[in-house]
Amino acid sequence: MRQCQRLILVLFCLSFVLSHQAWAGKQLDIHDGSAISITSPQNGATVESSFTLEYALRKGAMADHAHVFLDGTYQKGFKGKFSDVPSGKHTITVKVATHDHDMVTVSDSVDVMVK
């Protein structure tokens, strides 16, 4: 019985760790007329370790807001500026989300090089 409990705990922890969208809702295969575009920084740009992210969001029938990810990690509570990003190449992704924080099938990504 104890091994079964351990196995369940391990599987739960593994599923949580493997979910790069933890706390960001689930992915919905919905095309609701939404659109999103990262306007700054440009794809391939070189930036300082602290920089502003700007994007344009057109809300569709279910869209409410966007979620921001840095290298696949959800940036909970993101307020528009990255701070102290380590040097090197990074991928920024913005995904359209519903009021319930589920992702619709609309996103945009850029790669940046941090000095």
PDB file of N, CA and C in Angstrom:
ATOM      1  N   MET A   1       0.821  -1.190   0.000  1.00  0.00           N
ATOM      2  CA  MET A   1       0.000   0.000   0.000  1.00  0.00           C
ATOM      3  C   MET A   1       0.865   1.252   0.000  1.00  0.00           C
ATOM      4  N   ARG A   2       1.929   1.229   0.788  1.00  0.00           N
ATOM      5  CA  ARG A   2       2.815   2.392   0.885  1.00  0.00           C
ATOM      6  C   ARG A   2       3.480   2.682  -0.464  1.00  0.00           C
ATOM      7  N   GLN A   3       3.860   1.641  -1.201  1.00  0.00           N
ATOM      8  CA  GLN A   3       4.461   1.834  -2.520  1.00  0.00           C
ATOM      9  C   GLN A   3       3.461   2.470  -3.481  1.00  0.00           C
ATOM     10  N   CYS A   4       2.217   2.095  -3.384  1.00  0.00           N
ATOM     11  CA  CYS A   4       1.179   2.663  -4.234  1.00  0.00           C
ATOM     12  C   CYS A   4       1.034   4.157  -3.952  1.00  0.00           C
ATOM     13  N   GLN A   5       1.062   4.540  -2.686  1.00  0.00           N
ATOM     14  CA  GLN A   5       0.963   5.955  -2.326  1.00  0.00           C
ATOM     15  C   GLN A   5       2.159   6.732  -2.860  1.00  0.00           C
ATOM     16  N   ARG A   6       3.341   6.150  -2.751  1.00  0.00           N
ATOM     17  CA  ARG A   6       4.551   6.797  -3.279  1.00  0.00           C
ATOM     18  C   ARG A   6       4.466   6.972  -4.787  1.00  0.00           C
ATOM     19  N   LEU A   7       3.995   5.932  -5.474  1.00  0.00           N
ATOM     20  CA  LEU A   7       3.866   5.987  -6.921  1.00  0.00           C
ATOM     21  C   LEU A   7       2.894   7.090  -7.331  1.00  0.00           C
ATOM     22  N   ILE A   8       1.787   7.189  -6.645  1.00  0.00           N
ATOM     23  CA  ILE A   8       0.813   8.243  -6.951  1.00  0.00           C
ATOM     24  C   ILE A   8       1.433   9.616  -6.726  1.00  0.00           C
ATOM     25  N   LEU A   9       2.158   9.785  -5.630  1.00  0.00           N
ATOM     26  CA  LEU A   9       2.808  11.060  -5.340  1.00  0.00           C
ATOM     27  C   LEU A   9       3.849  11.398  -6.399  1.00  0.00           C
ATOM     28  N   VAL A  10       4.651  10.432  -6.794  1.00  0.00           N
ATOM     29  CA  VAL A  10       5.668  10.658  -7.827  1.00  0.00           C
ATOM     30  C   VAL A  10       5.019  11.038  -9.145  1.00  0.00           C
ATOM     31  N   LEU A  11       3.966  10.334  -9.533  1.00  0.00           N
ATOM     32  CA  LEU A  11       3.286  10.645 -10.790  1.00  0.00           C
ATOM     33  C   LEU A  11       2.657  12.029 -10.753  1.00  0.00           C
ATOM     34  N   PHE A  12       2.077  12.404  -9.623  1.00  0.00           N
ATOM     35  CA  PHE A  12       1.503  13.732  -9.481  1.00  0.00           C
ATOM     36  C   PHE A  12       2.588  14.799  -9.625  1.00  0.00           C
ATOM     37  N   CYS A  13       3.692  14.632  -8.921  1.00  0.00           N
ATOM     38  CA  CYS A  13       4.785  15.612  -8.989  1.00  0.00           C
ATOM     39  C   CYS A  13       5.366  15.692 -10.394  1.00  0.00           C
ATOM     40  N   LEU A  14       5.536  14.553 -11.038  1.00  0.00           N
ATOM     41  CA  LEU A  14       6.071  14.528 -12.392  1.00  0.00           C
ATOM     42  C   LEU A  14       5.146  15.250 -13.360  1.00  0.00           C
ATOM     43  N   SER A  15       3.854  15.026 -13.249  1.00  0.00           N
ATOM     44  CA  SER A  15       2.921  15.701 -14.156  1.00  0.00           C
ATOM     45  C   SER A  15       2.934  17.203 -13.917  1.00  0.00           C
ATOM     46  N   PHE A  16       3.101  17.625 -12.672  1.00  0.00           N
ATOM     47  CA  PHE A  16       3.171  19.056 -12.357  1.00  0.00           C
ATOM     48  C   PHE A  16       4.432  19.674 -12.942  1.00  0.00           C
ATOM     49  N   VAL A  17       5.571  19.032 -12.770  1.00  0.00           N
ATOM     50  CA  VAL A  17       6.846  19.555 -13.273  1.00  0.00           C
ATOM     51  C   VAL A  17       6.860  19.611 -14.787  1.00  0.00           C
ATOM     52  N   LEU A  18       6.314  18.606 -15.435  1.00  0.00           N
ATOM     53  CA  LEU A  18       6.331  18.556 -16.892  1.00  0.00           C
ATOM     54  C   LEU A  18       5.361  19.535 -17.528  1.00  0.00           C
ATOM     55  N   SER A  19       4.458  20.064 -16.761  1.00  0.00           N
ATOM     56  CA  SER A  19       3.494  21.020 -17.296  1.00  0.00           C
ATOM     57  C   SER A  19       4.091  22.413 -17.256  1.00  0.00           C
ATOM     58  N   HIS A  20       4.664  22.871 -18.381  1.00  0.00           N
ATOM     59  CA  HIS A  20       5.275  24.207 -18.411  1.00  0.00           C
ATOM     60  C   HIS A  20       4.224  25.303 -18.331  1.00  0.00           C
ATOM     61  N   GLN A  21       2.950  24.932 -18.418  1.00  0.00           N
ATOM     62  CA  GLN A  21       1.885  25.911 -18.313  1.00  0.00           C
ATOM     63  C   GLN A  21       1.227  25.881 -16.938  1.00  0.00           C
ATOM     64  N   ALA A  22       1.929  25.340 -15.946  1.00  0.00           N
ATOM     65  CA  ALA A  22       1.354  25.302 -14.608  1.00  0.00           C
ATOM     66  C   ALA A  22       0.885  26.689 -14.206  1.00  0.00           C
ATOM     67  N   TRP A  23      -0.317  26.761 -13.682  1.00  0.00           N
ATOM     68  CA  TRP A  23      -0.944  28.003 -13.243  1.00  0.00           C
ATOM     69  C   TRP A  23      -1.386  28.875 -14.408  1.00  0.00           C
ATOM     70  N   ALA A  24      -1.299  28.412 -15.632  1.00  0.00           N
ATOM     71  CA  ALA A  24      -1.647  29.240 -16.773  1.00  0.00           C
ATOM     72  C   ALA A  24      -2.881  28.735 -17.512  1.00  0.00           C
ATOM     73  N   GLY A  25      -3.603  27.792 -16.981  1.00  0.00           N
ATOM     74  CA  GLY A  25      -4.800  27.300 -17.645  1.00  0.00           C
ATOM     75  C   GLY A  25      -4.489  26.204 -18.641  1.00  0.00           C
ATOM     76  N   LYS A  26      -5.539  25.710 -19.296  1.00  0.00           N
ATOM     77  CA  LYS A  26      -5.366  24.648 -20.286  1.00  0.00           C
ATOM     78  C   LYS A  26      -5.458  25.218 -21.691  1.00  0.00           C
ATOM     79  N   GLN A  27      -5.030  24.443 -22.672  1.00  0.00           N
ATOM     80  CA  GLN A  27      -5.057  24.855 -24.073  1.00  0.00           C
ATOM     81  C   GLN A  27      -6.391  24.447 -24.686  1.00  0.00           C
ATOM     82  N   LEU A  28      -7.100  25.417 -25.274  1.00  0.00           N
ATOM     83  CA  LEU A  28      -8.356  25.140 -25.958  1.00  0.00           C
ATOM     84  C   LEU A  28      -8.145  25.269 -27.461  1.00  0.00           C
ATOM     85  N   ASP A  29      -8.647  24.318 -28.219  1.00  0.00           N
ATOM     86  CA  ASP A  29      -8.532  24.392 -29.671  1.00  0.00           C
ATOM     87  C   ASP A  29      -9.691  25.235 -30.197  1.00  0.00           C
ATOM     88  N   ILE A  30      -9.576  26.537 -29.968  1.00  0.00           N
ATOM     89  CA  ILE A  30     -10.636  27.480 -30.326  1.00  0.00           C
ATOM     90  C   ILE A  30     -10.050  28.574 -31.206  1.00  0.00           C
ATOM     91  N   HIS A  31     -10.716  28.864 -32.284  1.00  0.00           N
ATOM     92  CA  HIS A  31     -10.345  29.975 -33.162  1.00  0.00           C
ATOM     93  C   HIS A  31     -11.509  30.967 -33.080  1.00  0.00           C
ATOM     94  N   ASP A  32     -11.355  31.960 -32.218  1.00  0.00           N
ATOM     95  CA  ASP A  32     -12.481  32.853 -31.922  1.00  0.00           C
ATOM     96  C   ASP A  32     -12.325  34.246 -32.524  1.00  0.00           C
ATOM     97  N   GLY A  33     -11.404  34.412 -33.463  1.00  0.00           N
ATOM     98  CA  GLY A  33     -11.189  35.716 -34.063  1.00  0.00           C
ATOM     99  C   GLY A  33     -10.132  36.546 -33.352  1.00  0.00           C
ATOM    100  N   SER A  34      -9.517  35.975 -32.326  1.00  0.00           N
ATOM    101  CA  SER A  34      -8.468  36.687 -31.600  1.00  0.00           C
ATOM    102  C   SER A  34      -7.195  36.764 -32.432  1.00  0.00           C
ATOM    103  N   ALA A  35      -6.390  37.780 -32.125  1.00  0.00           N
ATOM    104  CA  ALA A  35      -5.068  37.917 -32.738  1.00  0.00           C
ATOM    105  C   ALA A  35      -4.142  38.559 -31.718  1.00  0.00           C
ATOM    106  N   ILE A  36      -2.878  38.178 -31.766  1.00  0.00           N
ATOM    107  CA  ILE A  36      -1.883  38.792 -30.883  1.00  0.00           C
ATOM    108  C   ILE A  36      -0.574  38.910 -31.635  1.00  0.00           C
ATOM    109  N   SER A  37       0.121  40.017 -31.402  1.00  0.00           N
ATOM    110  CA  SER A  37       1.380  40.260 -32.082  1.00  0.00           C
ATOM    111  C   SER A  37       2.331  40.984 -31.139  1.00  0.00           C
ATOM    112  N   ILE A  38       3.514  40.433 -30.962  1.00  0.00           N
ATOM    113  CA  ILE A  38       4.541  41.107 -30.163  1.00  0.00           C
ATOM    114  C   ILE A  38       5.099  42.237 -31.006  1.00  0.00           C
ATOM    115  N   THR A  39       5.037  43.461 -30.488  1.00  0.00           N
ATOM    116  CA  THR A  39       5.520  44.632 -31.226  1.00  0.00           C
ATOM    117  C   THR A  39       6.899  45.080 -30.774  1.00  0.00           C
ATOM    118  N   SER A  40       7.296  44.710 -29.568  1.00  0.00           N
ATOM    119  CA  SER A  40       8.626  45.047 -29.072  1.00  0.00           C
ATOM    120  C   SER A  40       8.968  44.119 -27.910  1.00  0.00           C
ATOM    121  N   PRO A  41      10.142  43.535 -27.947  1.00  0.00           N
ATOM    122  CA  PRO A  41      11.226  43.694 -28.908  1.00  0.00           C
ATOM    123  C   PRO A  41      10.965  42.899 -30.194  1.00  0.00           C
ATOM    124  N   GLN A  42      11.689  43.256 -31.214  1.00  0.00           N
ATOM    125  CA  GLN A  42      11.590  42.560 -32.497  1.00  0.00           C
ATOM    126  C   GLN A  42      12.239  41.183 -32.396  1.00  0.00           C
ATOM    127  N   ASN A  43      11.806  40.251 -33.235  1.00  0.00           N
ATOM    128  CA  ASN A  43      12.424  38.933 -33.294  1.00  0.00           C
ATOM    129  C   ASN A  43      13.898  39.086 -33.667  1.00  0.00           C
ATOM    130  N   GLY A  44      14.783  38.467 -32.897  1.00  0.00           N
ATOM    131  CA  GLY A  44      16.214  38.524 -33.158  1.00  0.00           C
ATOM    132  C   GLY A  44      16.919  39.708 -32.523  1.00  0.00           C
ATOM    133  N   ALA A  45      16.197  40.546 -31.802  1.00  0.00           N
ATOM    134  CA  ALA A  45      16.784  41.743 -31.193  1.00  0.00           C
ATOM    135  C   ALA A  45      17.759  41.378 -30.074  1.00  0.00           C
ATOM    136  N   THR A  46      18.731  42.252 -29.869  1.00  0.00           N
ATOM    137  CA  THR A  46      19.626  42.169 -28.716  1.00  0.00           C
ATOM    138  C   THR A  46      19.131  43.180 -27.697  1.00  0.00           C
ATOM    139  N   VAL A  47      18.936  42.723 -26.459  1.00  0.00           N
ATOM    140  CA  VAL A  47      18.359  43.567 -25.417  1.00  0.00           C
ATOM    141  C   VAL A  47      19.224  43.513 -24.159  1.00  0.00           C
ATOM    142  N   GLU A  48      18.993  44.482 -23.287  1.00  0.00           N
ATOM    143  CA  GLU A  48      19.644  44.496 -21.972  1.00  0.00           C
ATOM    144  C   GLU A  48      18.974  43.447 -21.085  1.00  0.00           C
ATOM    145  N   SER A  49      19.477  43.227 -19.895  1.00  0.00           N
ATOM    146  CA  SER A  49      18.911  42.214 -19.001  1.00  0.00           C
ATOM    147  C   SER A  49      17.529  42.615 -18.479  1.00  0.00           C
ATOM    148  N   SER A  50      17.208  43.906 -18.526  1.00  0.00           N
ATOM    149  CA  SER A  50      15.868  44.386 -18.194  1.00  0.00           C
ATOM    150  C   SER A  50      15.300  45.085 -19.426  1.00  0.00           C
ATOM    151  N   PHE A  51      14.112  44.681 -19.835  1.00  0.00           N
ATOM    152  CA  PHE A  51      13.525  45.267 -21.039  1.00  0.00           C
ATOM    153  C   PHE A  51      12.012  45.143 -20.991  1.00  0.00           C
ATOM    154  N   THR A  52      11.356  45.991 -21.772  1.00  0.00           N
ATOM    155  CA  THR A  52       9.903  46.049 -21.824  1.00  0.00           C
ATOM    156  C   THR A  52       9.383  45.153 -22.944  1.00  0.00           C
ATOM    157  N   LEU A  53       8.278  44.486 -22.684  1.00  0.00           N
ATOM    158  CA  LEU A  53       7.578  43.698 -23.692  1.00  0.00           C
ATOM    159  C   LEU A  53       6.301  44.438 -24.047  1.00  0.00           C
ATOM    160  N   GLU A  54       6.077  44.629 -25.347  1.00  0.00           N
ATOM    161  CA  GLU A  54       4.847  45.248 -25.818  1.00  0.00           C
ATOM    162  C   GLU A  54       4.200  44.333 -26.844  1.00  0.00           C
ATOM    163  N   TYR A  55       2.884  44.239 -26.787  1.00  0.00           N
ATOM    164  CA  TYR A  55       2.156  43.417 -27.753  1.00  0.00           C
ATOM    165  C   TYR A  55       0.796  44.035 -28.025  1.00  0.00           C
ATOM    166  N   ALA A  56       0.239  43.683 -29.171  1.00  0.00           N
ATOM    167  CA  ALA A  56      -1.094  44.143 -29.555  1.00  0.00           C
ATOM    168  C   ALA A  56      -2.028  42.943 -29.511  1.00  0.00           C
ATOM    169  N   LEU A  57      -3.132  43.077 -28.795  1.00  0.00           N
ATOM    170  CA  LEU A  57      -4.109  42.009 -28.641  1.00  0.00           C
ATOM    171  C   LEU A  57      -5.444  42.439 -29.225  1.00  0.00           C
ATOM    172  N   ARG A  58      -5.962  41.630 -30.147  1.00  0.00           N
ATOM    173  CA  ARG A  58      -7.334  41.814 -30.636  1.00  0.00           C
ATOM    174  C   ARG A  58      -8.157  40.690 -30.034  1.00  0.00           C
ATOM    175  N   LYS A  59      -9.136  41.063 -29.211  1.00  0.00           N
ATOM    176  CA  LYS A  59      -9.933  40.073 -28.499  1.00  0.00           C
ATOM    177  C   LYS A  59     -11.022  39.512 -29.396  1.00  0.00           C
ATOM    178  N   GLY A  60     -11.120  38.194 -29.407  1.00  0.00           N
ATOM    179  CA  GLY A  60     -12.191  37.522 -30.123  1.00  0.00           C
ATOM    180  C   GLY A  60     -13.349  37.253 -29.173  1.00  0.00           C
ATOM    181  N   ALA A  61     -14.188  36.318 -29.541  1.00  0.00           N
ATOM    182  CA  ALA A  61     -15.394  36.031 -28.769  1.00  0.00           C
ATOM    183  C   ALA A  61     -15.096  35.555 -27.348  1.00  0.00           C
ATOM    184  N   MET A  62     -14.018  34.810 -27.152  1.00  0.00           N
ATOM    185  CA  MET A  62     -13.707  34.276 -25.827  1.00  0.00           C
ATOM    186  C   MET A  62     -12.471  34.900 -25.196  1.00  0.00           C
ATOM    187  N   ALA A  63     -11.687  35.635 -25.963  1.00  0.00           N
ATOM    188  CA  ALA A  63     -10.430  36.187 -25.445  1.00  0.00           C
ATOM    189  C   ALA A  63     -10.680  37.262 -24.403  1.00  0.00           C
ATOM    190  N   ASP A  64      -9.822  37.279 -23.395  1.00  0.00           N
ATOM    191  CA  ASP A  64      -9.940  38.265 -22.327  1.00  0.00           C
ATOM    192  C   ASP A  64      -8.629  39.009 -22.088  1.00  0.00           C
ATOM    193  N   HIS A  65      -7.518  38.294 -22.175  1.00  0.00           N
ATOM    194  CA  HIS A  65      -6.214  38.876 -21.884  1.00  0.00           C
ATOM    195  C   HIS A  65      -5.130  37.952 -22.443  1.00  0.00           C
ATOM    196  N   ALA A  66      -3.869  38.287 -22.187  1.00  0.00           N
ATOM    197  CA  ALA A  66      -2.757  37.459 -22.665  1.00  0.00           C
ATOM    198  C   ALA A  66      -1.939  36.954 -21.483  1.00  0.00           C
ATOM    199  N   HIS A  67      -1.319  35.789 -21.675  1.00  0.00           N
ATOM    200  CA  HIS A  67      -0.356  35.248 -20.718  1.00  0.00           C
ATOM    201  C   HIS A  67       1.015  35.292 -21.366  1.00  0.00           C
ATOM    202  N   VAL A  68       2.019  35.641 -20.590  1.00  0.00           N
ATOM    203  CA  VAL A  68       3.384  35.787 -21.088  1.00  0.00           C
ATOM    204  C   VAL A  68       4.233  34.638 -20.549  1.00  0.00           C
ATOM    205  N   PHE A  69       5.073  34.092 -21.433  1.00  0.00           N
ATOM    206  CA  PHE A  69       5.976  33.003 -21.090  1.00  0.00           C
ATOM    207  C   PHE A  69       7.396  33.399 -21.482  1.00  0.00           C
ATOM    208  N   LEU A  70       8.356  33.087 -20.643  1.00  0.00           N
ATOM    209  CA  LEU A  70       9.774  33.263 -20.951  1.00  0.00           C
ATOM    210  C   LEU A  70      10.395  31.879 -20.947  1.00  0.00           C
ATOM    211  N   ASP A  71      10.896  31.471 -22.101  1.00  0.00           N
ATOM    212  CA  ASP A  71      11.494  30.140 -22.262  1.00  0.00           C
ATOM    213  C   ASP A  71      10.539  29.042 -21.783  1.00  0.00           C
ATOM    214  N   GLY A  72       9.255  29.214 -22.088  1.00  0.00           N
ATOM    215  CA  GLY A  72       8.259  28.202 -21.757  1.00  0.00           C
ATOM    216  C   GLY A  72       7.716  28.277 -20.342  1.00  0.00           C
ATOM    217  N   THR A  73       8.226  29.197 -19.528  1.00  0.00           N
ATOM    218  CA  THR A  73       7.772  29.323 -18.144  1.00  0.00           C
ATOM    219  C   THR A  73       6.802  30.487 -18.031  1.00  0.00           C
ATOM    220  N   TYR A  74       5.621  30.205 -17.512  1.00  0.00           N
ATOM    221  CA  TYR A  74       4.574  31.211 -17.336  1.00  0.00           C
ATOM    222  C   TYR A  74       5.046  32.290 -16.369  1.00  0.00           C
ATOM    223  N   GLN A  75       4.867  33.548 -16.760  1.00  0.00           N
ATOM    224  CA  GLN A  75       5.274  34.692 -15.947  1.00  0.00           C
ATOM    225  C   GLN A  75       4.060  35.246 -15.215  1.00  0.00           C
ATOM    226  N   LYS A  76       3.663  34.570 -14.151  1.00  0.00           N
ATOM    227  CA  LYS A  76       2.459  34.945 -13.404  1.00  0.00           C
ATOM    228  C   LYS A  76       2.588  36.375 -12.894  1.00  0.00           C
ATOM    229  N   GLY A  77       1.545  37.179 -13.119  1.00  0.00           N
ATOM    230  CA  GLY A  77       1.536  38.561 -12.648  1.00  0.00           C
ATOM    231  C   GLY A  77       2.414  39.498 -13.453  1.00  0.00           C
ATOM    232  N   PHE A  78       2.779  39.109 -14.675  1.00  0.00           N
ATOM    233  CA  PHE A  78       3.673  39.926 -15.508  1.00  0.00           C
ATOM    234  C   PHE A  78       3.072  41.316 -15.726  1.00  0.00           C
ATOM    235  N   LYS A  79       3.889  42.339 -15.519  1.00  0.00           N
ATOM    236  CA  LYS A  79       3.436  43.731 -15.606  1.00  0.00           C
ATOM    237  C   LYS A  79       4.038  44.501 -16.779  1.00  0.00           C
ATOM    238  N   GLY A  80       4.655  43.804 -17.748  1.00  0.00           N
ATOM    239  CA  GLY A  80       5.141  44.481 -18.947  1.00  0.00           C
ATOM    240  C   GLY A  80       6.639  44.649 -19.043  1.00  0.00           C
ATOM    241  N   LYS A  81       7.379  44.315 -17.977  1.00  0.00           N
ATOM    242  CA  LYS A  81       8.826  44.487 -18.016  1.00  0.00           C
ATOM    243  C   LYS A  81       9.510  43.260 -17.418  1.00  0.00           C
ATOM    244  N   PHE A  82      10.491  42.753 -18.185  1.00  0.00           N
ATOM    245  CA  PHE A  82      11.354  41.690 -17.680  1.00  0.00           C
ATOM    246  C   PHE A  82      12.516  42.343 -16.947  1.00  0.00           C
ATOM    247  N   SER A  83      12.968  41.727 -15.869  1.00  0.00           N
ATOM    248  CA  SER A  83      14.093  42.253 -15.104  1.00  0.00           C
ATOM    249  C   SER A  83      15.089  41.131 -14.826  1.00  0.00           C
ATOM    250  N   ASP A  84      16.363  41.464 -14.912  1.00  0.00           N
ATOM    251  CA  ASP A  84      17.444  40.531 -14.564  1.00  0.00           C
ATOM    252  C   ASP A  84      17.380  39.213 -15.324  1.00  0.00           C
ATOM    253  N   VAL A  85      17.085  39.283 -16.619  1.00  0.00           N
ATOM    254  CA  VAL A  85      17.075  38.081 -17.454  1.00  0.00           C
ATOM    255  C   VAL A  85      18.532  37.696 -17.720  1.00  0.00           C
ATOM    256  N   PRO A  86      18.905  36.447 -17.526  1.00  0.00           N
ATOM    257  CA  PRO A  86      20.297  36.037 -17.744  1.00  0.00           C
ATOM    258  C   PRO A  86      20.743  36.229 -19.190  1.00  0.00           C
ATOM    259  N   SER A  87      22.027  36.432 -19.376  1.00  0.00           N
ATOM    260  CA  SER A  87      22.599  36.572 -20.725  1.00  0.00           C
ATOM    261  C   SER A  87      22.317  35.326 -21.547  1.00  0.00           C
ATOM    262  N   GLY A  88      22.176  35.528 -22.863  1.00  0.00           N
ATOM    263  CA  GLY A  88      21.960  34.412 -23.767  1.00  0.00           C
ATOM    264  C   GLY A  88      20.668  34.560 -24.544  1.00  0.00           C
ATOM    265  N   LYS A  89      20.372  33.516 -25.323  1.00  0.00           N
ATOM    266  CA  LYS A  89      19.178  33.514 -26.163  1.00  0.00           C
ATOM    267  C   LYS A  89      17.968  33.074 -25.357  1.00  0.00           C
ATOM    268  N   HIS A  90      16.852  33.797 -25.528  1.00  0.00           N
ATOM    269  CA  HIS A  90      15.616  33.485 -24.827  1.00  0.00           C
ATOM    270  C   HIS A  90      14.437  33.622 -25.787  1.00  0.00           C
ATOM    271  N   THR A  91      13.390  32.845 -25.527  1.00  0.00           N
ATOM    272  CA  THR A  91      12.172  32.908 -26.315  1.00  0.00           C
ATOM    273  C   THR A  91      11.046  33.469 -25.451  1.00  0.00           C
ATOM    274  N   ILE A  92      10.383  34.495 -25.979  1.00  0.00           N
ATOM    275  CA  ILE A  92       9.231  35.099 -25.314  1.00  0.00           C
ATOM    276  C   ILE A  92       8.000  34.711 -26.122  1.00  0.00           C
ATOM    277  N   THR A  93       6.977  34.232 -25.438  1.00  0.00           N
ATOM    278  CA  THR A  93       5.728  33.854 -26.085  1.00  0.00           C
ATOM    279  C   THR A  93       4.570  34.516 -25.345  1.00  0.00           C
ATOM    280  N   VAL A  94       3.635  35.065 -26.098  1.00  0.00           N
ATOM    281  CA  VAL A  94       2.389  35.561 -25.514  1.00  0.00           C
ATOM    282  C   VAL A  94       1.260  34.735 -26.100  1.00  0.00           C
ATOM    283  N   LYS A  95       0.360  34.306 -25.222  1.00  0.00           N
ATOM    284  CA  LYS A  95      -0.767  33.468 -25.628  1.00  0.00           C
ATOM    285  C   LYS A  95      -2.055  34.139 -25.190  1.00  0.00           C
ATOM    286  N   VAL A  96      -3.057  34.078 -26.037  1.00  0.00           N
ATOM    287  CA  VAL A  96      -4.363  34.644 -25.730  1.00  0.00           C
ATOM    288  C   VAL A  96      -5.076  33.717 -24.746  1.00  0.00           C
ATOM    289  N   ALA A  97      -5.684  34.322 -23.712  1.00  0.00           N
ATOM    290  CA  ALA A  97      -6.355  33.549 -22.672  1.00  0.00           C
ATOM    291  C   ALA A  97      -7.794  34.021 -22.492  1.00  0.00           C
ATOM    292  N   THR A  98      -8.626  33.101 -22.027  1.00  0.00           N
ATOM    293  CA  THR A  98     -10.013  33.427 -21.695  1.00  0.00           C
ATOM    294  C   THR A  98     -10.065  34.027 -20.283  1.00  0.00           C
ATOM    295  N   HIS A  99     -11.251  34.440 -19.893  1.00  0.00           N
ATOM    296  CA  HIS A  99     -11.454  34.954 -18.542  1.00  0.00           C
ATOM    297  C   HIS A  99     -11.043  33.929 -17.484  1.00  0.00           C
ATOM    298  N   ASP A 100     -11.201  32.637 -17.810  1.00  0.00           N
ATOM    299  CA  ASP A 100     -10.850  31.551 -16.888  1.00  0.00           C
ATOM    300  C   ASP A 100      -9.390  31.128 -17.011  1.00  0.00           C
ATOM    301  N   HIS A 101      -8.602  31.872 -17.778  1.00  0.00           N
ATOM    302  CA  HIS A 101      -7.160  31.645 -17.968  1.00  0.00           C
ATOM    303  C   HIS A 101      -6.839  30.432 -18.831  1.00  0.00           C
ATOM    304  N   ASP A 102      -7.796  29.926 -19.583  1.00  0.00           N
ATOM    305  CA  ASP A 102      -7.515  28.878 -20.554  1.00  0.00           C
ATOM    306  C   ASP A 102      -6.989  29.543 -21.817  1.00  0.00           C
ATOM    307  N   MET A 103      -6.029  28.887 -22.498  1.00  0.00           N
ATOM    308  CA  MET A 103      -5.431  29.446 -23.709  1.00  0.00           C
ATOM    309  C   MET A 103      -6.257  29.090 -24.930  1.00  0.00           C
ATOM    310  N   VAL A 104      -6.517  30.080 -25.783  1.00  0.00           N
ATOM    311  CA  VAL A 104      -7.113  29.791 -27.086  1.00  0.00           C
ATOM    312  C   VAL A 104      -5.951  29.567 -28.059  1.00  0.00           C
ATOM    313  N   THR A 105      -6.250  29.119 -29.260  1.00  0.00           N
ATOM    314  CA  THR A 105      -5.203  28.734 -30.198  1.00  0.00           C
ATOM    315  C   THR A 105      -4.642  29.947 -30.926  1.00  0.00           C
ATOM    316  N   VAL A 106      -4.133  30.912 -30.178  1.00  0.00           N
ATOM    317  CA  VAL A 106      -3.545  32.114 -30.769  1.00  0.00           C
ATOM    318  C   VAL A 106      -2.353  32.512 -29.914  1.00  0.00           C
ATOM    319  N   SER A 107      -1.185  32.678 -30.557  1.00  0.00           N
ATOM    320  CA  SER A 107      -0.002  33.092 -29.815  1.00  0.00           C
ATOM    321  C   SER A 107       0.998  33.730 -30.773  1.00  0.00           C
ATOM    322  N   ASP A 108       2.003  34.372 -30.188  1.00  0.00           N
ATOM    323  CA  ASP A 108       3.111  34.929 -30.965  1.00  0.00           C
ATOM    324  C   ASP A 108       4.374  34.752 -30.129  1.00  0.00           C
ATOM    325  N   SER A 109       5.493  34.537 -30.800  1.00  0.00           N
ATOM    326  CA  SER A 109       6.767  34.354 -30.119  1.00  0.00           C
ATOM    327  C   SER A 109       7.865  35.136 -30.824  1.00  0.00           C
ATOM    328  N   VAL A 110       8.849  35.550 -30.028  1.00  0.00           N
ATOM    329  CA  VAL A 110      10.073  36.156 -30.557  1.00  0.00           C
ATOM    330  C   VAL A 110      11.255  35.589 -29.788  1.00  0.00           C
ATOM    331  N   ASP A 111      12.385  35.524 -30.468  1.00  0.00           N
ATOM    332  CA  ASP A 111      13.645  35.176 -29.815  1.00  0.00           C
ATOM    333  C   ASP A 111      14.439  36.446 -29.618  1.00  0.00           C
ATOM    334  N   VAL A 112      15.050  36.590 -28.438  1.00  0.00           N
ATOM    335  CA  VAL A 112      15.900  37.747 -28.165  1.00  0.00           C
ATOM    336  C   VAL A 112      17.233  37.250 -27.627  1.00  0.00           C
ATOM    337  N   MET A 113      18.249  38.089 -27.801  1.00  0.00           N
ATOM    338  CA  MET A 113      19.569  37.812 -27.238  1.00  0.00           C
ATOM    339  C   MET A 113      19.807  38.847 -26.141  1.00  0.00           C
ATOM    340  N   VAL A 114      19.984  38.363 -24.912  1.00  0.00           N
ATOM    341  CA  VAL A 114      20.233  39.259 -23.785  1.00  0.00           C
ATOM    342  C   VAL A 114      21.745  39.416 -23.650  1.00  0.00           C
ATOM    343  N   LYS A 115      22.201  40.682 -23.580  1.00  0.00           N
ATOM    344  CA  LYS A 115      23.626  40.988 -23.455  1.00  0.00           C
ATOM    345  C   LYS A 115      24.176  40.455 -22.140  1.00  0.00           C
TER     346      LYS A 115
END
